[in-house]
Amino acid sequence: LTVRIKEMMNTVAGVLLLLLSLSVGLYALQYQNPILNQDFPDPCVMQDPSDGMFYVYGTQTTYNGKRINIQAAYSHNLVNWTYHGEVLPHIPSYSTGPYTWAPDVQKHGGFYFMYFGCSYKSGGMCLSVATSKHPLGPFIPYKDPIKCDTGFVDIDPKSIDDDKTGRIFLYWGSNFFPLRFQELDASRLYFKSGSVMQNIIYPEPKSDYASLVEASWVQKHGDEYFYYYSGNNCCGPTAHYAVMVAKSKSLLGPWIKMETALHTNSSVILKLNGRWKAPGHNSVWANDKGEQWMIYHAIDPYHANNGERRVLLMDRINFRENGWPIVHNGSPSVGAQPAP
């Protein structure tokens, strides 16, 4: 009898431990937006190939009363983030501020390259690059800008390497001009000699979201490239913003918008709902199973500073039978979600 009692107790204990481990596992595999509840606009997520750690970089902000040029945070799972703060302590010599916008960070040959837009001392904005040997900086601006122009057309850069040819391309654009791209040289610091800037996606003045287009992000899925972009007003009390998509078989194009391919009137794949306003300016992370997740900002309309405070959100990109993506169900998720 004593032996049977002990066996029963061991069985019950085992079941309780199993249930506890399952409940802990379920909890660990869920998240809820926002994944970082503070001002963190224009996020770029990067997984370091050397150790698998995740880093996210964002546009300038003020943190604890101090200006930060380019901010960063890090995580081991894309869900629990530790805020780091400044990674670009000094702006380029050709800039007088105040803008340092929309970084794109990639690792190549032992260095981390950060592309970003910054104010030009003669007016307008510049496509700029800074480098570091560590993902959390300090990033040191290169002495020359890649390109400068009046207004804010030269912002929101996104770099990508062609995995077949080894060519390097930079995509960018805003300010009611077309999105465009041009080839970089092997140094990644200049446009390739003889290369020509080419326009890709044009704004549509009568469109609900595409009267201004910006926030380029190019991501490969299968044998196709998907060009994610946002429009039209990112922030402020009249913010009206969403993510749209086009795709191509080549980084050189031609790019076809979703609305053209599906014969609809919209290429929007992520827009507002009752909980989150003006979602957009995304980056994308893909795992080794081909699953993709979008990291983006949105405005919390219930926060006191609901026009300028853009917090960090994440949602799964689902590819439909027609070959086109949609983010979550077309708007930001609300409530607990399965984590990557």
C-alpha atoms as a PDB file:
ATOM      1  CA  LEU A   1       0.000   0.000   0.000  1.00  0.00           C
ATOM      2  CA  THR A   2       2.822   2.371   0.872  1.00  0.00           C
ATOM      3  CA  VAL A   3       4.481   1.652  -2.455  1.00  0.00           C
ATOM      4  CA  ARG A   4       1.230   2.322  -4.342  1.00  0.00           C
ATOM      5  CA  ILE A   5       0.747   5.617  -2.505  1.00  0.00           C
ATOM      6  CA  LYS A   6       4.272   6.682  -3.412  1.00  0.00           C
ATOM      7  CA  GLU A   7       3.685   5.705  -7.057  1.00  0.00           C
ATOM      8  CA  MET A   8       0.458   7.700  -7.158  1.00  0.00           C
ATOM      9  CA  MET A   9       2.156  10.702  -5.580  1.00  0.00           C
ATOM     10  CA  ASN A  10       4.973  10.522  -8.125  1.00  0.00           C
ATOM     11  CA  THR A  11       2.428  10.316 -10.968  1.00  0.00           C
ATOM     12  CA  VAL A  12       0.492  13.321  -9.685  1.00  0.00           C
ATOM     13  CA  ALA A  13       3.705  15.271  -9.212  1.00  0.00           C
ATOM     14  CA  GLY A  14       4.768  14.417 -12.743  1.00  0.00           C
ATOM     15  CA  VAL A  15       1.453  15.555 -14.186  1.00  0.00           C
ATOM     16  CA  LEU A  16       1.643  18.815 -12.227  1.00  0.00           C
ATOM     17  CA  LEU A  17       5.183  19.442 -13.453  1.00  0.00           C
ATOM     18  CA  LEU A  18       4.089  18.725 -17.032  1.00  0.00           C
ATOM     19  CA  LEU A  19       1.158  21.127 -16.762  1.00  0.00           C
ATOM     20  CA  LEU A  20       3.412  23.758 -15.212  1.00  0.00           C
ATOM     21  CA  SER A  21       5.994  23.419 -17.969  1.00  0.00           C
ATOM     22  CA  LEU A  22       3.291  23.611 -20.629  1.00  0.00           C
ATOM     23  CA  SER A  23       1.810  26.738 -19.086  1.00  0.00           C
ATOM     24  CA  VAL A  24       5.239  28.358 -18.850  1.00  0.00           C
ATOM     25  CA  GLY A  25       5.921  27.367 -22.455  1.00  0.00           C
ATOM     26  CA  LEU A  26       2.662  28.848 -23.648  1.00  0.00           C
ATOM     27  CA  TYR A  27       3.375  32.070 -21.812  1.00  0.00           C
ATOM     28  CA  ALA A  28       6.897  32.266 -23.224  1.00  0.00           C
ATOM     29  CA  LEU A  29       5.589  31.812 -26.762  1.00  0.00           C
ATOM     30  CA  GLN A  30       3.203  34.757 -26.671  1.00  0.00           C
ATOM     31  CA  TYR A  31       3.498  38.525 -26.866  1.00  0.00           C
ATOM     32  CA  GLN A  32       1.222  41.528 -26.983  1.00  0.00           C
ATOM     33  CA  ASN A  33       1.676  44.847 -28.746  1.00  0.00           C
ATOM     34  CA  PRO A  34       3.426  47.138 -28.161  1.00  0.00           C
ATOM     35  CA  ILE A  35       6.676  45.226 -27.837  1.00  0.00           C
ATOM     36  CA  LEU A  36       8.426  48.465 -26.775  1.00  0.00           C
ATOM     37  CA  ASN A  37       6.125  51.033 -25.228  1.00  0.00           C
ATOM     38  CA  GLN A  38       8.034  54.242 -25.860  1.00  0.00           C
ATOM     39  CA  ASP A  39       8.756  56.584 -28.743  1.00  0.00           C
ATOM     40  CA  PHE A  40      10.675  54.488 -31.306  1.00  0.00           C
ATOM     41  CA  PRO A  41       9.829  55.601 -34.861  1.00  0.00           C
ATOM     42  CA  ASP A  42      10.953  54.125 -38.187  1.00  0.00           C
ATOM     43  CA  PRO A  43      12.357  50.864 -36.801  1.00  0.00           C
ATOM     44  CA  CYS A  44      14.969  48.711 -38.514  1.00  0.00           C
ATOM     45  CA  VAL A  45      15.409  45.232 -37.047  1.00  0.00           C
ATOM     46  CA  MET A  46      18.649  43.330 -37.591  1.00  0.00           C
ATOM     47  CA  GLN A  47      19.659  39.883 -36.348  1.00  0.00           C
ATOM     48  CA  ASP A  48      23.394  39.735 -35.799  1.00  0.00           C
ATOM     49  CA  PRO A  49      24.734  36.770 -37.796  1.00  0.00           C
ATOM     50  CA  SER A  50      27.551  36.277 -35.287  1.00  0.00           C
ATOM     51  CA  ASP A  51      25.457  35.533 -32.190  1.00  0.00           C
ATOM     52  CA  GLY A  52      21.788  35.612 -33.183  1.00  0.00           C
ATOM     53  CA  MET A  53      20.974  38.622 -30.996  1.00  0.00           C
ATOM     54  CA  PHE A  54      18.330  41.007 -32.291  1.00  0.00           C
ATOM     55  CA  TYR A  55      18.873  44.757 -32.530  1.00  0.00           C
ATOM     56  CA  VAL A  56      16.387  47.428 -33.494  1.00  0.00           C
ATOM     57  CA  TYR A  57      17.321  50.976 -34.474  1.00  0.00           C
ATOM     58  CA  GLY A  58      15.073  54.007 -34.658  1.00  0.00           C
ATOM     59  CA  THR A  59      14.800  57.675 -35.574  1.00  0.00           C
ATOM     60  CA  GLN A  60      15.880  60.478 -33.242  1.00  0.00           C
ATOM     61  CA  THR A  61      13.975  60.961 -30.005  1.00  0.00           C
ATOM     62  CA  THR A  62      14.173  62.582 -26.590  1.00  0.00           C
ATOM     63  CA  TYR A  63      14.760  60.163 -23.730  1.00  0.00           C
ATOM     64  CA  ASN A  64      14.794  61.303 -20.106  1.00  0.00           C
ATOM     65  CA  GLY A  65      15.128  64.869 -21.324  1.00  0.00           C
ATOM     66  CA  LYS A  66      18.138  64.147 -23.536  1.00  0.00           C
ATOM     67  CA  ARG A  67      18.236  64.178 -27.339  1.00  0.00           C
ATOM     68  CA  ILE A  68      19.242  60.905 -28.953  1.00  0.00           C
ATOM     69  CA  ASN A  69      20.339  60.983 -32.599  1.00  0.00           C
ATOM     70  CA  ILE A  70      19.770  57.308 -33.433  1.00  0.00           C
ATOM     71  CA  GLN A  71      18.391  55.015 -30.749  1.00  0.00           C
ATOM     72  CA  ALA A  72      18.719  51.259 -30.323  1.00  0.00           C
ATOM     73  CA  ALA A  73      17.400  48.376 -28.259  1.00  0.00           C
ATOM     74  CA  TYR A  74      18.310  44.689 -28.151  1.00  0.00           C
ATOM     75  CA  SER A  75      16.563  41.373 -27.514  1.00  0.00           C
ATOM     76  CA  HIS A  76      17.174  37.639 -27.638  1.00  0.00           C
ATOM     77  CA  ASN A  77      13.661  36.788 -28.854  1.00  0.00           C
ATOM     78  CA  LEU A  78      12.067  39.848 -30.560  1.00  0.00           C
ATOM     79  CA  VAL A  79       9.607  40.113 -27.652  1.00  0.00           C
ATOM     80  CA  ASN A  80      11.511  41.276 -24.576  1.00  0.00           C
ATOM     81  CA  TRP A  81      13.546  44.375 -25.392  1.00  0.00           C
ATOM     82  CA  THR A  82      16.231  46.185 -23.420  1.00  0.00           C
ATOM     83  CA  TYR A  83      16.602  49.847 -24.303  1.00  0.00           C
ATOM     84  CA  HIS A  84      20.180  50.904 -25.047  1.00  0.00           C
ATOM     85  CA  GLY A  85      19.833  54.521 -26.163  1.00  0.00           C
ATOM     86  CA  GLU A  86      22.313  56.419 -28.325  1.00  0.00           C
ATOM     87  CA  VAL A  87      24.395  54.676 -31.005  1.00  0.00           C
ATOM     88  CA  LEU A  88      25.273  57.750 -33.123  1.00  0.00           C
ATOM     89  CA  PRO A  89      26.781  60.175 -30.594  1.00  0.00           C
ATOM     90  CA  HIS A  90      28.047  62.615 -33.258  1.00  0.00           C
ATOM     91  CA  ILE A  91      26.213  63.717 -36.381  1.00  0.00           C
ATOM     92  CA  PRO A  92      28.089  64.111 -39.699  1.00  0.00           C
ATOM     93  CA  SER A  93      30.269  67.193 -40.180  1.00  0.00           C
ATOM     94  CA  TYR A  94      28.137  68.288 -43.144  1.00  0.00           C
ATOM     95  CA  SER A  95      25.022  68.354 -40.946  1.00  0.00           C
ATOM     96  CA  THR A  96      23.899  70.921 -38.402  1.00  0.00           C
ATOM     97  CA  GLY A  97      20.850  68.923 -37.340  1.00  0.00           C
ATOM     98  CA  PRO A  98      18.184  68.704 -36.159  1.00  0.00           C
ATOM     99  CA  TYR A  99      17.076  65.595 -38.077  1.00  0.00           C
ATOM    100  CA  THR A 100      18.552  62.085 -37.990  1.00  0.00           C
ATOM    101  CA  TRP A 101      15.960  59.756 -39.453  1.00  0.00           C
ATOM    102  CA  ALA A 102      15.135  56.156 -40.297  1.00  0.00           C
ATOM    103  CA  PRO A 103      18.324  54.090 -39.933  1.00  0.00           C
ATOM    104  CA  ASP A 104      19.011  50.892 -41.838  1.00  0.00           C
ATOM    105  CA  VAL A 105      21.727  48.693 -40.311  1.00  0.00           C
ATOM    106  CA  GLN A 106      23.392  45.649 -41.887  1.00  0.00           C
ATOM    107  CA  LYS A 107      26.597  43.734 -41.091  1.00  0.00           C
ATOM    108  CA  HIS A 108      29.201  43.179 -43.796  1.00  0.00           C
ATOM    109  CA  GLY A 109      32.825  42.074 -43.504  1.00  0.00           C
ATOM    110  CA  GLY A 110      33.146  42.634 -39.772  1.00  0.00           C
ATOM    111  CA  PHE A 111      31.574  46.109 -39.854  1.00  0.00           C
ATOM    112  CA  TYR A 112      28.066  47.343 -39.245  1.00  0.00           C
ATOM    113  CA  PHE A 113      26.887  49.847 -41.845  1.00  0.00           C
ATOM    114  CA  MET A 114      24.177  52.310 -40.869  1.00  0.00           C
ATOM    115  CA  TYR A 115      22.388  54.243 -43.600  1.00  0.00           C
ATOM    116  CA  PHE A 116      20.185  57.127 -42.452  1.00  0.00           C
ATOM    117  CA  GLY A 117      18.829  60.503 -43.474  1.00  0.00           C
ATOM    118  CA  CYS A 118      20.113  63.666 -41.814  1.00  0.00           C
ATOM    119  CA  SER A 119      19.746  67.428 -42.167  1.00  0.00           C
ATOM    120  CA  TYR A 120      22.139  69.101 -44.610  1.00  0.00           C
ATOM    121  CA  LYS A 121      23.755  72.333 -43.458  1.00  0.00           C
ATOM    122  CA  SER A 122      22.845  73.963 -46.777  1.00  0.00           C
ATOM    123  CA  GLY A 123      19.223  72.884 -46.423  1.00  0.00           C
ATOM    124  CA  GLY A 124      17.363  69.720 -47.309  1.00  0.00           C
ATOM    125  CA  MET A 125      18.387  66.188 -46.340  1.00  0.00           C
ATOM    126  CA  CYS A 126      21.266  63.833 -47.081  1.00  0.00           C
ATOM    127  CA  LEU A 127      21.565  60.092 -47.485  1.00  0.00           C
ATOM    128  CA  SER A 128      24.322  59.315 -45.003  1.00  0.00           C
ATOM    129  CA  VAL A 129      26.328  56.334 -43.814  1.00  0.00           C
ATOM    130  CA  ALA A 130      28.121  55.541 -40.558  1.00  0.00           C
ATOM    131  CA  THR A 131      30.066  52.445 -39.524  1.00  0.00           C
ATOM    132  CA  SER A 132      30.908  50.599 -36.329  1.00  0.00           C
ATOM    133  CA  LYS A 133      32.587  47.393 -35.215  1.00  0.00           C
ATOM    134  CA  HIS A 134      29.808  46.774 -32.678  1.00  0.00           C
ATOM    135  CA  PRO A 135      26.050  46.670 -33.253  1.00  0.00           C
ATOM    136  CA  LEU A 136      25.496  49.148 -30.417  1.00  0.00           C
ATOM    137  CA  GLY A 137      28.075  51.574 -31.718  1.00  0.00           C
ATOM    138  CA  PRO A 138      29.401  54.065 -31.483  1.00  0.00           C
ATOM    139  CA  PHE A 139      28.691  54.515 -35.188  1.00  0.00           C
ATOM    140  CA  ILE A 140      31.100  56.967 -36.831  1.00  0.00           C
ATOM    141  CA  PRO A 141      29.702  58.997 -39.744  1.00  0.00           C
ATOM    142  CA  TYR A 142      31.642  58.819 -42.990  1.00  0.00           C
ATOM    143  CA  LYS A 143      33.091  62.163 -44.099  1.00  0.00           C
ATOM    144  CA  ASP A 144      30.974  62.417 -47.268  1.00  0.00           C
ATOM    145  CA  PRO A 145      27.235  62.040 -47.777  1.00  0.00           C
ATOM    146  CA  ILE A 146      26.027  59.596 -50.411  1.00  0.00           C
ATOM    147  CA  LYS A 147      23.613  62.143 -51.837  1.00  0.00           C
ATOM    148  CA  CYS A 148      21.914  65.401 -50.767  1.00  0.00           C
ATOM    149  CA  ASP A 149      18.930  67.283 -52.107  1.00  0.00           C
ATOM    150  CA  THR A 150      16.468  69.980 -51.115  1.00  0.00           C
ATOM    151  CA  GLY A 151      13.340  69.072 -49.173  1.00  0.00           C
ATOM    152  CA  PHE A 152      13.128  65.628 -47.622  1.00  0.00           C
ATOM    153  CA  VAL A 153      13.371  63.374 -50.666  1.00  0.00           C
ATOM    154  CA  ASP A 154      16.742  61.873 -49.617  1.00  0.00           C
ATOM    155  CA  ILE A 155      15.536  59.930 -46.580  1.00  0.00           C
ATOM    156  CA  ASP A 156      14.491  56.415 -45.551  1.00  0.00           C
ATOM    157  CA  PRO A 157      17.351  54.423 -47.113  1.00  0.00           C
ATOM    158  CA  LYS A 158      17.281  50.648 -47.378  1.00  0.00           C
ATOM    159  CA  SER A 159      20.290  48.637 -48.562  1.00  0.00           C
ATOM    160  CA  ILE A 160      20.191  45.102 -49.913  1.00  0.00           C
ATOM    161  CA  ASP A 161      22.681  42.747 -51.564  1.00  0.00           C
ATOM    162  CA  ASP A 162      21.716  40.657 -54.570  1.00  0.00           C
ATOM    163  CA  ASP A 163      22.481  37.112 -53.415  1.00  0.00           C
ATOM    164  CA  LYS A 164      23.028  35.942 -56.999  1.00  0.00           C
ATOM    165  CA  THR A 165      25.166  38.716 -58.485  1.00  0.00           C
ATOM    166  CA  GLY A 166      26.718  40.304 -55.385  1.00  0.00           C
ATOM    167  CA  ARG A 167      25.575  43.750 -56.491  1.00  0.00           C
ATOM    168  CA  ILE A 168      24.555  46.196 -53.753  1.00  0.00           C
ATOM    169  CA  PHE A 169      21.562  48.474 -54.076  1.00  0.00           C
ATOM    170  CA  LEU A 170      20.203  51.382 -52.078  1.00  0.00           C
ATOM    171  CA  TYR A 171      16.481  52.239 -52.121  1.00  0.00           C
ATOM    172  CA  TRP A 172      15.039  55.462 -50.735  1.00  0.00           C
ATOM    173  CA  GLY A 173      12.646  58.376 -51.268  1.00  0.00           C
ATOM    174  CA  SER A 174       9.801  60.576 -49.973  1.00  0.00           C
ATOM    175  CA  ASN A 175       8.589  64.217 -50.286  1.00  0.00           C
ATOM    176  CA  PHE A 176       5.946  63.492 -52.973  1.00  0.00           C
ATOM    177  CA  PHE A 177       8.684  62.194 -55.308  1.00  0.00           C
ATOM    178  CA  PRO A 178       8.927  58.614 -56.612  1.00  0.00           C
ATOM    179  CA  LEU A 179      10.693  55.925 -54.636  1.00  0.00           C
ATOM    180  CA  ARG A 180      13.995  55.224 -56.331  1.00  0.00           C
ATOM    181  CA  PHE A 181      17.149  53.119 -56.217  1.00  0.00           C
ATOM    182  CA  GLN A 182      20.765  53.113 -57.343  1.00  0.00           C
ATOM    183  CA  GLU A 183      23.693  50.710 -57.166  1.00  0.00           C
ATOM    184  CA  LEU A 184      26.375  51.189 -54.499  1.00  0.00           C
ATOM    185  CA  ASP A 185      30.038  50.405 -55.074  1.00  0.00           C
ATOM    186  CA  ALA A 186      31.955  47.718 -53.199  1.00  0.00           C
ATOM    187  CA  SER A 187      32.893  50.107 -50.387  1.00  0.00           C
ATOM    188  CA  ARG A 188      29.178  50.642 -49.621  1.00  0.00           C
ATOM    189  CA  LEU A 189      29.993  54.321 -49.074  1.00  0.00           C
ATOM    190  CA  TYR A 190      29.307  55.734 -52.538  1.00  0.00           C
ATOM    191  CA  PHE A 191      27.134  55.084 -55.543  1.00  0.00           C
ATOM    192  CA  LYS A 192      28.919  52.954 -58.113  1.00  0.00           C
ATOM    193  CA  SER A 193      30.616  55.002 -60.794  1.00  0.00           C
ATOM    194  CA  GLY A 194      28.463  55.050 -63.904  1.00  0.00           C
ATOM    195  CA  SER A 195      25.353  53.866 -62.091  1.00  0.00           C
ATOM    196  CA  VAL A 196      22.128  55.778 -62.642  1.00  0.00           C
ATOM    197  CA  MET A 197      19.302  56.511 -60.232  1.00  0.00           C
ATOM    198  CA  GLN A 198      16.035  54.915 -61.325  1.00  0.00           C
ATOM    199  CA  ASN A 199      12.502  55.665 -60.180  1.00  0.00           C
ATOM    200  CA  ILE A 200      10.377  52.730 -59.081  1.00  0.00           C
ATOM    201  CA  ILE A 201       7.068  53.578 -57.424  1.00  0.00           C
ATOM    202  CA  TYR A 202       5.293  56.862 -58.044  1.00  0.00           C
ATOM    203  CA  PRO A 203       2.979  58.693 -55.652  1.00  0.00           C
ATOM    204  CA  GLU A 204      -0.698  58.828 -56.587  1.00  0.00           C
ATOM    205  CA  PRO A 205      -2.194  62.251 -55.709  1.00  0.00           C
ATOM    206  CA  LYS A 206      -5.780  60.978 -55.481  1.00  0.00           C
ATOM    207  CA  SER A 207      -4.953  57.851 -53.475  1.00  0.00           C
ATOM    208  CA  ASP A 208      -6.072  57.428 -49.875  1.00  0.00           C
ATOM    209  CA  TYR A 209      -2.596  56.415 -48.657  1.00  0.00           C
ATOM    210  CA  ALA A 210      -0.207  56.762 -51.619  1.00  0.00           C
ATOM    211  CA  SER A 211      -0.236  60.506 -52.267  1.00  0.00           C
ATOM    212  CA  LEU A 212       3.162  60.458 -50.543  1.00  0.00           C
ATOM    213  CA  VAL A 213       5.249  57.265 -50.498  1.00  0.00           C
ATOM    214  CA  GLU A 214       8.313  56.548 -48.360  1.00  0.00           C
ATOM    215  CA  ALA A 215       9.858  54.034 -45.910  1.00  0.00           C
ATOM    216  CA  SER A 216      11.343  51.540 -48.381  1.00  0.00           C
ATOM    217  CA  TRP A 217      12.015  47.993 -47.224  1.00  0.00           C
ATOM    218  CA  VAL A 218      12.930  45.233 -49.707  1.00  0.00           C
ATOM    219  CA  GLN A 219      12.637  41.624 -48.537  1.00  0.00           C
ATOM    220  CA  LYS A 220      13.086  38.361 -50.401  1.00  0.00           C
ATOM    221  CA  HIS A 221      10.485  35.601 -50.042  1.00  0.00           C
ATOM    222  CA  GLY A 222      10.931  32.465 -52.088  1.00  0.00           C
ATOM    223  CA  ASP A 223      12.153  33.559 -55.508  1.00  0.00           C
ATOM    224  CA  GLU A 224      10.486  36.997 -55.360  1.00  0.00           C
ATOM    225  CA  TYR A 225      11.322  40.344 -53.820  1.00  0.00           C
ATOM    226  CA  PHE A 226       8.667  42.289 -51.944  1.00  0.00           C
ATOM    227  CA  TYR A 227       8.902  46.057 -51.756  1.00  0.00           C
ATOM    228  CA  TYR A 228       7.150  47.354 -48.633  1.00  0.00           C
ATOM    229  CA  TYR A 229       6.519  51.085 -48.445  1.00  0.00           C
ATOM    230  CA  SER A 230       4.327  53.455 -46.420  1.00  0.00           C
ATOM    231  CA  GLY A 231       2.227  56.556 -46.987  1.00  0.00           C
ATOM    232  CA  ASN A 232       1.029  59.217 -46.649  1.00  0.00           C
ATOM    233  CA  ASN A 233       1.307  61.150 -43.344  1.00  0.00           C
ATOM    234  CA  CYS A 234       3.291  59.420 -40.623  1.00  0.00           C
ATOM    235  CA  CYS A 235       2.617  61.552 -37.617  1.00  0.00           C
ATOM    236  CA  GLY A 236       1.031  64.510 -35.920  1.00  0.00           C
ATOM    237  CA  PRO A 237      -2.641  65.071 -35.094  1.00  0.00           C
ATOM    238  CA  THR A 238      -3.705  64.300 -38.677  1.00  0.00           C
ATOM    239  CA  ALA A 239      -1.564  61.157 -39.079  1.00  0.00           C
ATOM    240  CA  HIS A 240      -2.903  58.892 -41.826  1.00  0.00           C
ATOM    241  CA  TYR A 241      -0.466  56.095 -42.582  1.00  0.00           C
ATOM    242  CA  ALA A 242      -0.439  52.525 -43.866  1.00  0.00           C
ATOM    243  CA  VAL A 243       1.892  49.890 -45.363  1.00  0.00           C
ATOM    244  CA  MET A 244       1.637  48.955 -49.045  1.00  0.00           C
ATOM    245  CA  VAL A 245       3.462  46.409 -51.196  1.00  0.00           C
ATOM    246  CA  ALA A 246       4.789  45.708 -54.682  1.00  0.00           C
ATOM    247  CA  LYS A 247       6.852  42.769 -55.903  1.00  0.00           C
ATOM    248  CA  SER A 248       9.366  41.739 -58.547  1.00  0.00           C
ATOM    249  CA  LYS A 249      11.452  38.779 -59.650  1.00  0.00           C
ATOM    250  CA  SER A 250      14.541  41.026 -59.631  1.00  0.00           C
ATOM    251  CA  LEU A 251      15.976  43.818 -57.521  1.00  0.00           C
ATOM    252  CA  LEU A 252      16.195  45.759 -60.777  1.00  0.00           C
ATOM    253  CA  GLY A 253      12.437  45.495 -61.273  1.00  0.00           C
ATOM    254  CA  PRO A 254      10.018  45.929 -62.848  1.00  0.00           C
ATOM    255  CA  TRP A 255       7.932  46.236 -59.675  1.00  0.00           C
ATOM    256  CA  ILE A 256       4.236  45.511 -59.853  1.00  0.00           C
ATOM    257  CA  LYS A 257       1.917  46.887 -57.186  1.00  0.00           C
ATOM    258  CA  MET A 258      -0.506  44.517 -55.514  1.00  0.00           C
ATOM    259  CA  GLU A 259      -3.488  46.542 -56.726  1.00  0.00           C
ATOM    260  CA  THR A 260      -2.317  46.236 -60.328  1.00  0.00           C
ATOM    261  CA  ALA A 261      -1.742  42.493 -60.092  1.00  0.00           C
ATOM    262  CA  LEU A 262      -5.070  41.801 -58.360  1.00  0.00           C
ATOM    263  CA  HIS A 263      -7.084  44.441 -60.219  1.00  0.00           C
ATOM    264  CA  THR A 264      -8.168  46.233 -57.056  1.00  0.00           C
ATOM    265  CA  ASN A 265      -7.923  49.865 -55.958  1.00  0.00           C
ATOM    266  CA  SER A 266      -5.445  49.431 -53.117  1.00  0.00           C
ATOM    267  CA  SER A 267      -2.048  47.900 -52.288  1.00  0.00           C
ATOM    268  CA  VAL A 268      -2.533  48.384 -48.522  1.00  0.00           C
ATOM    269  CA  ILE A 269      -1.657  45.376 -46.338  1.00  0.00           C
ATOM    270  CA  LEU A 270      -1.590  47.092 -42.921  1.00  0.00           C
ATOM    271  CA  LYS A 271      -3.719  50.017 -41.729  1.00  0.00           C
ATOM    272  CA  LEU A 272      -5.325  51.426 -38.600  1.00  0.00           C
ATOM    273  CA  ASN A 273      -7.920  49.846 -36.361  1.00  0.00           C
ATOM    274  CA  GLY A 274      -9.725  50.955 -33.200  1.00  0.00           C
ATOM    275  CA  ARG A 275      -6.669  50.359 -31.034  1.00  0.00           C
ATOM    276  CA  TRP A 276      -3.721  51.523 -33.176  1.00  0.00           C
ATOM    277  CA  LYS A 277      -3.446  54.526 -35.465  1.00  0.00           C
ATOM    278  CA  ALA A 278      -1.141  55.212 -38.445  1.00  0.00           C
ATOM    279  CA  PRO A 279       0.865  51.944 -38.507  1.00  0.00           C
ATOM    280  CA  GLY A 280       3.820  51.867 -40.856  1.00  0.00           C
ATOM    281  CA  HIS A 281       7.488  52.437 -41.675  1.00  0.00           C
ATOM    282  CA  ASN A 282       8.324  48.795 -41.257  1.00  0.00           C
ATOM    283  CA  SER A 283      11.233  46.424 -41.318  1.00  0.00           C
ATOM    284  CA  VAL A 284      11.018  42.633 -41.737  1.00  0.00           C
ATOM    285  CA  TRP A 285      12.690  39.675 -40.059  1.00  0.00           C
ATOM    286  CA  ALA A 286      12.626  36.194 -41.577  1.00  0.00           C
ATOM    287  CA  ASN A 287      13.488  32.943 -39.810  1.00  0.00           C
ATOM    288  CA  ASP A 288      15.082  29.870 -41.375  1.00  0.00           C
ATOM    289  CA  LYS A 289      11.626  28.353 -41.969  1.00  0.00           C
ATOM    290  CA  GLY A 290      10.656  31.154 -44.315  1.00  0.00           C
ATOM    291  CA  GLU A 291       8.269  32.750 -41.813  1.00  0.00           C
ATOM    292  CA  GLN A 292       8.370  36.536 -41.771  1.00  0.00           C
ATOM    293  CA  TRP A 293       7.505  39.128 -39.149  1.00  0.00           C
ATOM    294  CA  MET A 294       6.952  42.848 -39.609  1.00  0.00           C
ATOM    295  CA  ILE A 295       8.335  45.279 -37.012  1.00  0.00           C
ATOM    296  CA  TYR A 296       6.812  48.731 -37.371  1.00  0.00           C
ATOM    297  CA  HIS A 297       5.651  51.791 -35.478  1.00  0.00           C
ATOM    298  CA  ALA A 298       2.141  52.993 -34.692  1.00  0.00           C
ATOM    299  CA  ILE A 299       0.472  55.729 -32.670  1.00  0.00           C
ATOM    300  CA  ASP A 300      -1.439  54.952 -29.492  1.00  0.00           C
ATOM    301  CA  PRO A 301      -4.477  57.264 -29.751  1.00  0.00           C
ATOM    302  CA  TYR A 302      -5.161  56.860 -26.038  1.00  0.00           C
ATOM    303  CA  HIS A 303      -1.788  58.247 -24.968  1.00  0.00           C
ATOM    304  CA  ALA A 304      -1.580  61.933 -24.027  1.00  0.00           C
ATOM    305  CA  ASN A 305       1.064  62.576 -26.713  1.00  0.00           C
ATOM    306  CA  ASN A 306      -0.816  60.669 -29.395  1.00  0.00           C
ATOM    307  CA  GLY A 307       0.475  62.590 -32.393  1.00  0.00           C
ATOM    308  CA  GLU A 308       4.244  62.270 -32.086  1.00  0.00           C
ATOM    309  CA  ARG A 309       4.815  59.240 -29.864  1.00  0.00           C
ATOM    310  CA  ARG A 310       5.196  56.248 -32.163  1.00  0.00           C
ATOM    311  CA  VAL A 311       5.725  52.950 -30.330  1.00  0.00           C
ATOM    312  CA  LEU A 312       7.113  49.616 -31.524  1.00  0.00           C
ATOM    313  CA  LEU A 313       4.774  46.869 -32.758  1.00  0.00           C
ATOM    314  CA  MET A 314       5.256  43.465 -34.376  1.00  0.00           C
ATOM    315  CA  ASP A 315       3.011  41.150 -36.364  1.00  0.00           C
ATOM    316  CA  ARG A 316       3.262  38.051 -38.526  1.00  0.00           C
ATOM    317  CA  ILE A 317       3.264  38.444 -42.308  1.00  0.00           C
ATOM    318  CA  ASN A 318       0.907  35.892 -43.810  1.00  0.00           C
ATOM    319  CA  PHE A 319       1.237  34.972 -47.476  1.00  0.00           C
ATOM    320  CA  ARG A 320      -2.090  34.251 -49.104  1.00  0.00           C
ATOM    321  CA  GLU A 321      -2.934  31.758 -51.848  1.00  0.00           C
ATOM    322  CA  ASN A 322      -2.704  34.540 -54.430  1.00  0.00           C
ATOM    323  CA  GLY A 323       0.988  35.006 -53.543  1.00  0.00           C
ATOM    324  CA  TRP A 324       0.567  38.390 -51.849  1.00  0.00           C
ATOM    325  CA  PRO A 325       1.237  39.170 -48.175  1.00  0.00           C
ATOM    326  CA  ILE A 326      -1.020  40.607 -45.510  1.00  0.00           C
ATOM    327  CA  VAL A 327       0.134  41.696 -42.050  1.00  0.00           C
ATOM    328  CA  HIS A 328      -1.831  39.879 -39.335  1.00  0.00           C
ATOM    329  CA  ASN A 329      -5.421  40.384 -40.537  1.00  0.00           C
ATOM    330  CA  GLY A 330      -4.727  43.705 -42.247  1.00  0.00           C
ATOM    331  CA  SER A 331      -4.376  45.791 -39.090  1.00  0.00           C
ATOM    332  CA  PRO A 332      -2.238  45.635 -35.923  1.00  0.00           C
ATOM    333  CA  SER A 333      -2.918  42.733 -33.575  1.00  0.00           C
ATOM    334  CA  VAL A 334      -4.718  43.340 -30.293  1.00  0.00           C
ATOM    335  CA  GLY A 335      -4.306  40.870 -27.443  1.00  0.00           C
ATOM    336  CA  ALA A 336      -1.906  37.957 -27.005  1.00  0.00           C
ATOM    337  CA  GLN A 337      -0.262  36.543 -30.134  1.00  0.00           C
ATOM    338  CA  PRO A 338       2.037  33.587 -30.820  1.00  0.00           C
ATOM    339  CA  ALA A 339       5.633  34.814 -30.727  1.00  0.00           C
ATOM    340  CA  PRO A 340       8.248  34.108 -33.395  1.00  0.00           C
END
